[in-house]
Protein backbone atom coordinates (compact mmCIF):
# COMPACT_ATOMS: atom_id res chain seq x y z
CA MET A 1 -21.29 14.39 -22.56
CA SER A 2 -21.82 17.47 -20.41
CA GLY A 3 -19.04 19.01 -18.35
CA GLN A 4 -20.77 18.08 -15.11
CA ARG A 5 -21.15 14.44 -16.19
CA ARG A 6 -17.50 14.34 -17.28
CA TRP A 7 -16.39 15.75 -13.89
CA LEU A 8 -18.56 13.20 -12.06
CA LYS A 9 -17.03 10.36 -14.07
CA LEU A 10 -13.49 11.63 -13.42
CA TRP A 11 -14.07 12.12 -9.68
CA SER A 12 -15.79 8.74 -9.27
CA ARG A 13 -12.94 6.93 -10.96
CA THR A 14 -10.43 8.86 -8.87
CA VAL A 15 -11.98 7.61 -5.62
CA GLY A 16 -12.43 4.10 -6.98
CA MET A 17 -16.17 4.04 -7.78
CA PRO A 18 -16.44 3.90 -11.59
CA VAL A 19 -19.74 5.29 -12.87
CA GLY A 20 -21.24 4.27 -16.17
CA LEU A 21 -24.12 5.81 -18.12
CA ASN A 22 -26.49 3.03 -17.02
CA ASP A 23 -26.43 -0.43 -15.41
CA LYS A 24 -25.32 -2.09 -18.66
CA ASP A 25 -22.42 0.35 -19.05
CA LYS A 26 -20.97 -0.41 -15.63
CA PRO A 27 -17.51 -1.95 -15.30
CA GLU A 28 -17.29 -5.71 -15.12
CA PHE A 29 -15.76 -5.89 -11.64
CA LEU A 30 -18.41 -3.78 -9.90
CA PRO A 31 -21.20 -6.05 -8.56
CA ILE A 32 -23.64 -3.27 -7.52
CA PRO A 33 -26.18 -1.24 -9.54
CA GLN A 34 -25.45 2.33 -10.62
CA ASP A 35 -27.83 3.81 -8.01
CA ASP A 36 -25.78 2.19 -5.26
CA VAL A 37 -22.57 3.38 -6.93
CA PHE A 38 -23.81 6.97 -6.67
CA LYS A 39 -24.64 6.49 -2.98
CA ALA A 40 -21.22 4.98 -2.32
CA LEU A 41 -19.58 7.81 -4.27
CA PHE A 42 -21.40 10.35 -2.08
CA PHE A 43 -20.25 8.65 1.11
CA ARG A 44 -16.64 8.37 -0.10
CA THR A 45 -16.65 12.02 -1.11
CA PHE A 46 -18.03 12.99 2.31
CA TRP A 47 -15.34 10.87 4.00
CA ILE A 48 -12.53 12.48 1.98
CA VAL A 49 -13.82 16.01 2.69
CA LEU A 50 -14.13 15.15 6.39
CA HIS A 51 -10.49 14.00 6.47
CA ILE A 52 -9.29 17.14 4.70
CA LEU A 53 -11.21 19.38 7.13
CA THR A 54 -9.93 17.42 10.14
CA CYS A 55 -6.32 17.71 8.95
CA GLY A 56 -6.81 21.42 8.34
CA PHE A 57 -8.10 21.97 11.89
CA ILE A 58 -5.21 19.93 13.33
CA ILE A 59 -2.67 21.98 11.37
CA VAL A 60 -4.28 25.30 12.38
CA GLY A 61 -4.51 24.23 16.03
CA ASN A 62 -0.89 23.15 16.15
CA GLY A 63 0.17 26.33 14.37
CA ARG A 64 -1.53 28.40 17.05
CA VAL A 65 0.02 26.35 19.87
CA LEU A 66 3.49 26.63 18.34
CA GLY A 67 3.06 30.36 17.70
CA PHE A 68 3.16 30.31 13.89
CA TRP A 69 0.00 32.48 13.73
């Protein structure tokens, strides 16, 4: 298994979207095909990055208002 594939599997399981090698390798509890899992993984990743960026901007904005920087 390549390093990129291993990272994808680790990240997908971290955000709750287990990825298998094919449709037959998918976990039992996941009722959607692997193609849809990859789409859902993309959207969850986007959502997490959006939250991190938003929190960063809030922290920076409040730091400027409070005179920390």
